[in-house]
Amino acid sequence: MFDELRRNPLLKKALSAGEERVGKVVAAVLSNERVMARVQGAVTTALEARAAVEKGVRSALHAVNLPTGDEVAELKKRIAELEAMIDGLATRVDREAGAAAAPPAAGAPPPEDPPGAR
């Protein structure tokens, strides 16, 4: 049914005329300096209010000894780095443990005793 309405030439013509009129009104409103100054002022006020709220939330969280979202994100990043480092160390330990347990190659000199083993 919606497809039939979209194909209706009379409806297309009405929508086109409506879009044109709305476009003219929007262009007239946006070209008005007073309107744009007020829109800009509203956006600036909204951004300042947001910053004030964020600052208040940060202060409240610190007052009750809770981390902010940014601090949690930084901690997650540091934990991921530490996990990667631990994985790398575990791989090295496994590789070296495997090399120490492997029998010596034919013709290789016998392994030396570690210092203090005697």
N, C-alpha and C. Protein backbone atom coordinates (compact mmCIF):
# COMPACT_ATOMS: atom_id res chain seq x y z
N MET A 1 0.82 -1.18 0.00
CA MET A 1 0.00 0.00 0.00
C MET A 1 0.88 1.26 0.00
N PHE A 2 1.94 1.24 0.80
CA PHE A 2 2.83 2.40 0.85
C PHE A 2 3.47 2.65 -0.51
N ASP A 3 3.83 1.57 -1.20
CA ASP A 3 4.43 1.74 -2.53
C ASP A 3 3.45 2.39 -3.50
N GLU A 4 2.19 2.02 -3.39
CA GLU A 4 1.17 2.63 -4.26
C GLU A 4 1.07 4.13 -3.99
N LEU A 5 1.11 4.52 -2.71
CA LEU A 5 1.03 5.94 -2.38
C LEU A 5 2.24 6.70 -2.91
N ARG A 6 3.41 6.09 -2.80
CA ARG A 6 4.62 6.75 -3.27
C ARG A 6 4.60 6.95 -4.78
N ARG A 7 3.94 6.07 -5.49
CA ARG A 7 3.89 6.18 -6.96
C ARG A 7 2.79 7.11 -7.44
N ASN A 8 1.91 7.53 -6.57
CA ASN A 8 0.79 8.39 -6.95
C ASN A 8 1.34 9.75 -7.39
N PRO A 9 1.09 10.16 -8.65
CA PRO A 9 1.64 11.43 -9.15
C PRO A 9 1.11 12.65 -8.39
N LEU A 10 -0.14 12.61 -7.96
CA LEU A 10 -0.70 13.74 -7.23
C LEU A 10 -0.01 13.91 -5.88
N LEU A 11 0.26 12.78 -5.20
CA LEU A 11 0.95 12.82 -3.91
C LEU A 11 2.39 13.30 -4.10
N LYS A 12 3.04 12.84 -5.17
CA LYS A 12 4.41 13.29 -5.44
C LYS A 12 4.46 14.80 -5.63
N LYS A 13 3.49 15.32 -6.37
CA LYS A 13 3.45 16.76 -6.65
C LYS A 13 3.22 17.54 -5.34
N ALA A 14 2.33 17.05 -4.49
CA ALA A 14 2.03 17.72 -3.23
C ALA A 14 3.26 17.70 -2.31
N LEU A 15 3.94 16.55 -2.23
CA LEU A 15 5.15 16.45 -1.41
C LEU A 15 6.24 17.38 -1.92
N SER A 16 6.40 17.44 -3.20
CA SER A 16 7.42 18.31 -3.79
C SER A 16 7.13 19.77 -3.46
N ALA A 17 5.88 20.17 -3.57
CA ALA A 17 5.51 21.56 -3.27
C ALA A 17 5.73 21.84 -1.78
N GLY A 18 5.38 20.90 -0.94
CA GLY A 18 5.58 21.07 0.50
C GLY A 18 7.05 21.18 0.86
N GLU A 19 7.87 20.33 0.27
CA GLU A 19 9.32 20.38 0.52
C GLU A 19 9.89 21.73 0.09
N GLU A 20 9.42 22.23 -1.04
CA GLU A 20 9.92 23.50 -1.55
C GLU A 20 9.56 24.64 -0.60
N ARG A 21 8.33 24.64 -0.12
CA ARG A 21 7.89 25.71 0.80
C ARG A 21 8.64 25.62 2.12
N VAL A 22 8.78 24.43 2.65
CA VAL A 22 9.51 24.25 3.90
C VAL A 22 10.96 24.69 3.73
N GLY A 23 11.55 24.35 2.60
CA GLY A 23 12.93 24.77 2.33
C GLY A 23 13.08 26.27 2.32
N LYS A 24 12.11 26.97 1.73
CA LYS A 24 12.16 28.44 1.69
C LYS A 24 12.04 29.02 3.09
N VAL A 25 11.14 28.47 3.90
CA VAL A 25 10.96 28.96 5.27
C VAL A 25 12.23 28.73 6.09
N VAL A 26 12.81 27.54 5.97
CA VAL A 26 14.03 27.23 6.71
C VAL A 26 15.16 28.15 6.27
N ALA A 27 15.29 28.38 4.98
CA ALA A 27 16.34 29.27 4.49
C ALA A 27 16.14 30.68 5.02
N ALA A 28 14.89 31.14 5.07
CA ALA A 28 14.62 32.48 5.58
C ALA A 28 14.96 32.58 7.07
N VAL A 29 14.59 31.56 7.82
CA VAL A 29 14.88 31.55 9.25
C VAL A 29 16.39 31.52 9.49
N LEU A 30 17.08 30.65 8.77
CA LEU A 30 18.53 30.52 8.98
C LEU A 30 19.30 31.74 8.50
N SER A 31 18.76 32.50 7.59
CA SER A 31 19.46 33.69 7.11
C SER A 31 19.25 34.87 8.05
N ASN A 32 18.35 34.75 8.99
CA ASN A 32 18.09 35.82 9.96
C ASN A 32 19.19 35.80 11.01
N GLU A 33 19.93 36.89 11.12
CA GLU A 33 21.07 36.95 12.06
C GLU A 33 20.64 36.80 13.51
N ARG A 34 19.50 37.38 13.87
CA ARG A 34 19.03 37.27 15.26
C ARG A 34 18.72 35.83 15.62
N VAL A 35 18.10 35.11 14.70
CA VAL A 35 17.77 33.70 14.97
C VAL A 35 19.06 32.90 15.12
N MET A 36 20.00 33.13 14.22
CA MET A 36 21.26 32.37 14.29
C MET A 36 22.03 32.72 15.56
N ALA A 37 22.00 33.98 15.98
CA ALA A 37 22.68 34.37 17.21
C ALA A 37 22.05 33.67 18.41
N ARG A 38 20.74 33.55 18.40
CA ARG A 38 20.07 32.86 19.51
C ARG A 38 20.35 31.36 19.48
N VAL A 39 20.36 30.77 18.30
CA VAL A 39 20.68 29.34 18.19
C VAL A 39 22.10 29.10 18.69
N GLN A 40 23.02 29.95 18.27
CA GLN A 40 24.41 29.81 18.71
C GLN A 40 24.51 29.99 20.22
N GLY A 41 23.79 30.95 20.76
CA GLY A 41 23.78 31.16 22.21
C GLY A 41 23.22 29.96 22.95
N ALA A 42 22.16 29.37 22.40
CA ALA A 42 21.56 28.19 23.04
C ALA A 42 22.53 27.01 23.03
N VAL A 43 23.22 26.82 21.91
CA VAL A 43 24.19 25.73 21.81
C VAL A 43 25.34 25.96 22.79
N THR A 44 25.83 27.19 22.86
CA THR A 44 26.92 27.51 23.78
C THR A 44 26.49 27.27 25.23
N THR A 45 25.29 27.71 25.57
CA THR A 45 24.78 27.51 26.93
C THR A 45 24.64 26.02 27.23
N ALA A 46 24.15 25.26 26.27
CA ALA A 46 23.99 23.82 26.49
C ALA A 46 25.34 23.15 26.71
N LEU A 47 26.36 23.54 25.94
CA LEU A 47 27.69 22.97 26.11
C LEU A 47 28.30 23.35 27.46
N GLU A 48 28.08 24.59 27.87
CA GLU A 48 28.58 25.02 29.18
C GLU A 48 27.87 24.27 30.31
N ALA A 49 26.57 24.07 30.15
CA ALA A 49 25.81 23.34 31.18
C ALA A 49 26.30 21.90 31.26
N ARG A 50 26.55 21.31 30.12
CA ARG A 50 27.04 19.93 30.11
C ARG A 50 28.39 19.83 30.82
N ALA A 51 29.27 20.78 30.54
CA ALA A 51 30.59 20.77 31.18
C ALA A 51 30.45 20.94 32.69
N ALA A 52 29.52 21.80 33.12
CA ALA A 52 29.32 22.01 34.55
C ALA A 52 28.77 20.75 35.21
N VAL A 53 27.86 20.08 34.54
CA VAL A 53 27.30 18.83 35.08
C VAL A 53 28.39 17.76 35.18
N GLU A 54 29.19 17.63 34.14
CA GLU A 54 30.27 16.64 34.15
C GLU A 54 31.26 16.93 35.28
N LYS A 55 31.58 18.19 35.48
CA LYS A 55 32.49 18.57 36.57
C LYS A 55 31.87 18.22 37.92
N GLY A 56 30.59 18.50 38.07
CA GLY A 56 29.90 18.16 39.32
C GLY A 56 29.87 16.67 39.57
N VAL A 57 29.62 15.89 38.53
CA VAL A 57 29.59 14.43 38.67
C VAL A 57 30.97 13.91 39.06
N ARG A 58 32.02 14.44 38.40
CA ARG A 58 33.39 14.03 38.75
C ARG A 58 33.68 14.33 40.22
N SER A 59 33.30 15.53 40.66
CA SER A 59 33.54 15.91 42.05
C SER A 59 32.78 15.00 43.01
N ALA A 60 31.53 14.70 42.68
CA ALA A 60 30.72 13.83 43.53
C ALA A 60 31.31 12.43 43.59
N LEU A 61 31.75 11.92 42.46
CA LEU A 61 32.34 10.57 42.43
C LEU A 61 33.62 10.53 43.26
N HIS A 62 34.43 11.55 43.15
CA HIS A 62 35.67 11.58 43.94
C HIS A 62 35.37 11.74 45.42
N ALA A 63 34.30 12.46 45.74
CA ALA A 63 33.93 12.66 47.14
C ALA A 63 33.57 11.34 47.82
N VAL A 64 32.97 10.43 47.06
CA VAL A 64 32.60 9.12 47.63
C VAL A 64 33.61 8.05 47.22
N ASN A 65 34.76 8.51 46.73
CA ASN A 65 35.87 7.62 46.38
C ASN A 65 35.51 6.59 45.30
N LEU A 66 34.82 7.06 44.26
CA LEU A 66 34.50 6.22 43.10
C LEU A 66 35.21 6.77 41.88
N PRO A 67 35.66 5.89 40.98
CA PRO A 67 36.36 6.37 39.78
C PRO A 67 35.39 6.95 38.76
N THR A 68 35.88 7.86 37.94
CA THR A 68 35.08 8.40 36.84
C THR A 68 35.15 7.44 35.66
N GLY A 69 34.34 7.69 34.66
CA GLY A 69 34.36 6.86 33.46
C GLY A 69 35.70 6.89 32.76
N ASP A 70 36.32 8.07 32.71
CA ASP A 70 37.64 8.18 32.09
C ASP A 70 38.69 7.39 32.86
N GLU A 71 38.60 7.42 34.17
CA GLU A 71 39.56 6.67 34.99
C GLU A 71 39.37 5.17 34.81
N VAL A 72 38.12 4.72 34.70
CA VAL A 72 37.85 3.30 34.47
C VAL A 72 38.40 2.88 33.11
N ALA A 73 38.21 3.72 32.10
CA ALA A 73 38.72 3.42 30.76
C ALA A 73 40.24 3.31 30.78
N GLU A 74 40.91 4.22 31.49
CA GLU A 74 42.37 4.18 31.59
C GLU A 74 42.82 2.90 32.31
N LEU A 75 42.12 2.52 33.36
CA LEU A 75 42.47 1.29 34.07
C LEU A 75 42.28 0.06 33.19
N LYS A 76 41.20 0.04 32.41
CA LYS A 76 40.98 -1.09 31.49
C LYS A 76 42.12 -1.20 30.49
N LYS A 77 42.57 -0.05 29.99
CA LYS A 77 43.67 -0.04 29.03
C LYS A 77 44.94 -0.59 29.68
N ARG A 78 45.22 -0.15 30.90
CA ARG A 78 46.43 -0.62 31.59
C ARG A 78 46.34 -2.10 31.90
N ILE A 79 45.16 -2.60 32.28
CA ILE A 79 44.98 -4.03 32.55
C ILE A 79 45.22 -4.83 31.28
N ALA A 80 44.72 -4.36 30.15
CA ALA A 80 44.92 -5.06 28.87
C ALA A 80 46.41 -5.12 28.54
N GLU A 81 47.13 -4.02 28.79
CA GLU A 81 48.58 -4.01 28.53
C GLU A 81 49.29 -5.02 29.44
N LEU A 82 48.91 -5.06 30.72
CA LEU A 82 49.53 -6.01 31.65
C LEU A 82 49.22 -7.46 31.26
N GLU A 83 47.98 -7.71 30.83
CA GLU A 83 47.62 -9.07 30.40
C GLU A 83 48.46 -9.49 29.20
N ALA A 84 48.67 -8.57 28.26
CA ALA A 84 49.48 -8.89 27.09
C ALA A 84 50.92 -9.18 27.51
N MET A 85 51.43 -8.41 28.47
CA MET A 85 52.79 -8.64 28.95
C MET A 85 52.89 -10.00 29.66
N ILE A 86 51.91 -10.33 30.47
CA ILE A 86 51.91 -11.62 31.18
C ILE A 86 51.82 -12.77 30.18
N ASP A 87 50.99 -12.62 29.15
CA ASP A 87 50.89 -13.67 28.12
C ASP A 87 52.24 -13.87 27.44
N GLY A 88 52.93 -12.77 27.14
CA GLY A 88 54.24 -12.86 26.51
C GLY A 88 55.25 -13.56 27.41
N LEU A 89 55.22 -13.23 28.70
CA LEU A 89 56.12 -13.88 29.65
C LEU A 89 55.80 -15.37 29.78
N ALA A 90 54.52 -15.70 29.82
CA ALA A 90 54.12 -17.11 29.94
C ALA A 90 54.59 -17.90 28.72
N THR A 91 54.49 -17.31 27.56
CA THR A 91 54.96 -17.97 26.33
C THR A 91 56.45 -18.21 26.40
N ARG A 92 57.21 -17.20 26.85
CA ARG A 92 58.66 -17.37 26.97
C ARG A 92 59.01 -18.45 27.97
N VAL A 93 58.32 -18.47 29.11
CA VAL A 93 58.59 -19.48 30.14
C VAL A 93 58.30 -20.88 29.59
N ASP A 94 57.18 -21.02 28.90
CA ASP A 94 56.83 -22.33 28.32
C ASP A 94 57.87 -22.77 27.30
N ARG A 95 58.31 -21.85 26.47
CA ARG A 95 59.29 -22.16 25.44
C ARG A 95 60.62 -22.59 26.08
N GLU A 96 61.06 -21.83 27.09
CA GLU A 96 62.33 -22.16 27.74
C GLU A 96 62.22 -23.45 28.55
N ALA A 97 61.06 -23.70 29.15
CA ALA A 97 60.87 -24.95 29.89
C ALA A 97 60.89 -26.13 28.93
N GLY A 98 60.31 -25.94 27.75
CA GLY A 98 60.33 -27.00 26.75
C GLY A 98 61.72 -27.26 26.23
N ALA A 99 62.49 -26.20 26.07
CA ALA A 99 63.87 -26.35 25.58
C ALA A 99 64.73 -27.04 26.64
N ALA A 100 64.50 -26.75 27.91
CA ALA A 100 65.29 -27.37 28.98
C ALA A 100 64.95 -28.84 29.14
N ALA A 101 63.72 -29.22 28.84
CA ALA A 101 63.29 -30.61 29.00
C ALA A 101 63.65 -31.47 27.79
N ALA A 102 63.96 -30.85 26.66
CA ALA A 102 64.27 -31.60 25.44
C ALA A 102 65.62 -32.28 25.60
N PRO A 103 65.76 -33.51 25.07
CA PRO A 103 67.04 -34.20 25.15
C PRO A 103 68.08 -33.46 24.31
N PRO A 104 69.35 -33.51 24.73
CA PRO A 104 70.38 -32.81 23.96
C PRO A 104 70.53 -33.43 22.58
N ALA A 105 70.86 -32.61 21.63
CA ALA A 105 71.05 -33.07 20.26
C ALA A 105 72.30 -33.95 20.20
N ALA A 106 72.32 -34.86 19.23
CA ALA A 106 73.46 -35.76 19.08
C ALA A 106 74.72 -34.95 18.84
N GLY A 107 75.77 -35.23 19.59
CA GLY A 107 77.04 -34.55 19.43
C GLY A 107 77.12 -33.25 20.21
N ALA A 108 76.06 -32.86 20.90
CA ALA A 108 76.08 -31.62 21.67
C ALA A 108 76.78 -31.87 22.99
N PRO A 109 77.47 -30.89 23.53
CA PRO A 109 78.14 -31.08 24.82
C PRO A 109 77.10 -31.26 25.92
N PRO A 110 77.44 -31.98 26.98
CA PRO A 110 76.47 -32.18 28.07
C PRO A 110 76.17 -30.85 28.75
N PRO A 111 74.94 -30.70 29.26
CA PRO A 111 74.59 -29.43 29.90
C PRO A 111 75.39 -29.22 31.17
N GLU A 112 75.71 -27.96 31.46
CA GLU A 112 76.48 -27.63 32.66
C GLU A 112 75.56 -27.60 33.86
N ASP A 113 76.11 -27.94 35.02
CA ASP A 113 75.33 -27.86 36.25
C ASP A 113 75.18 -26.38 36.61
N PRO A 114 74.01 -26.02 37.10
CA PRO A 114 73.83 -24.62 37.51
C PRO A 114 74.74 -24.32 38.70
N PRO A 115 75.15 -23.05 38.86
CA PRO A 115 76.03 -22.69 39.98
C PRO A 115 75.38 -23.05 41.32
N GLY A 116 76.19 -23.61 42.20
CA GLY A 116 75.70 -23.97 43.53
C GLY A 116 75.01 -25.33 43.58
N ALA A 117 75.00 -26.08 42.46
CA ALA A 117 74.32 -27.38 42.43
C ALA A 117 75.17 -28.44 43.08
N ARG A 118 76.46 -28.24 43.27
CA ARG A 118 77.33 -29.27 43.85
C ARG A 118 77.60 -29.03 45.26
